[in-house]
Amino acid sequence: MESLHVFPDSEAFGRELAEAVGLTSAPVALHLFPDGESLVRVAPPGEHAVLVRSLHHPRGKVFETLLAADALRRAGARRVTLVTPYLPYMRQDDVFHPGESHSQSVFARLVSGAFDGLVTVEAHLHRLHDLGRLFSCRAESLSAAPAVAAWLAHGPKSTVLVGPDAESRAWVAPLAERAKLPMAIGHKRRLGDASVLLELPRLAAAERAVVVDDVVSSGATLAQTAKLLHARGFARVDAVVVHPVFAPEAFERVRASGVDEIVSTDSVPHPTNAIHLAPLVAEALRAGHAA
């Protein structure tokens, strides 16, 4: 890579990534016209330009990111790679009701048409587990397990990891193996956007339970899991979240459920950010992933 370009809302992550890869980050200038349209301007790029923006709360952001890709190419970049620690629209991987769109494939076509490569972290995938089958550009979803395991290593050794549902096994299992900790996976039935019915299996005896989830939005699943763990006799329940996409009042809902410490990666800016992903992303870029 030869140049790194960062949107203002991802400035902190972009600064860490630039330091990790040995580049100076160039800000993407963003202007909003009175009617809500966006204008972006980029600094002169290198032949390979890396554009950094986390796409949480994506309304408006996606189109601005596409504009920036176009601006980089018009300014001379021959290759453009998107680094987006949080990748949106992955949960809508099917048409669940008549009249809906297949949002995942629509989003993938837009990104693939604008970028030569994509690097993200723990894409929220269900039926399709390979981004390469979804995006026509090179795409890589990095595991957050090494970074999360490093954080877990500083806590009590008597710990059990808990994934709230079957979908969580894909990221909890590698983490448990790396951290050398026992794990348990719950069963969840979603009743609504902020309501879930949850069951947990038998759990190993431990000083604390750590609930691990990739995305927290409403906080309902995490809160219900914490309540069940306290009912099972755990005096301490902590939570690790890869993508802290907290909706309004969600963080307070989780804290009220009895979670002692909530820790997240910095894929989405939040006061709970304590696990830094820039080293993982930098390593992938240096290795040529999605580039």
Foldseek 3Di string as FASTA:
>chain_A
DWAEEEEPQCVVLSCLLCVLQVHDYWYWDWDADPVGDIDIATDQTDQEYEYEDACQVPVVVLVVVLNVLVNNVVSPHNAYEYEHQADPLQVQCDDPDPPDDSSQLVSQVSVLVRHQFYEYEPHQHDPDDDVVVRHVHFYDYHACLVLVLVVVVPDDPFEEEEEFDPSCCVRVVVNCVVNVHHYWYKHWDDPDPQDIDIDTDDDDDGQEYEYEDAEDEQLNSLLVVLLVVVVVPHPAYAYEYAHDNYDPCNVVSNVVSPHPAYAYDVSDDDPRHDGYCSNVVSVCVVVPRRD
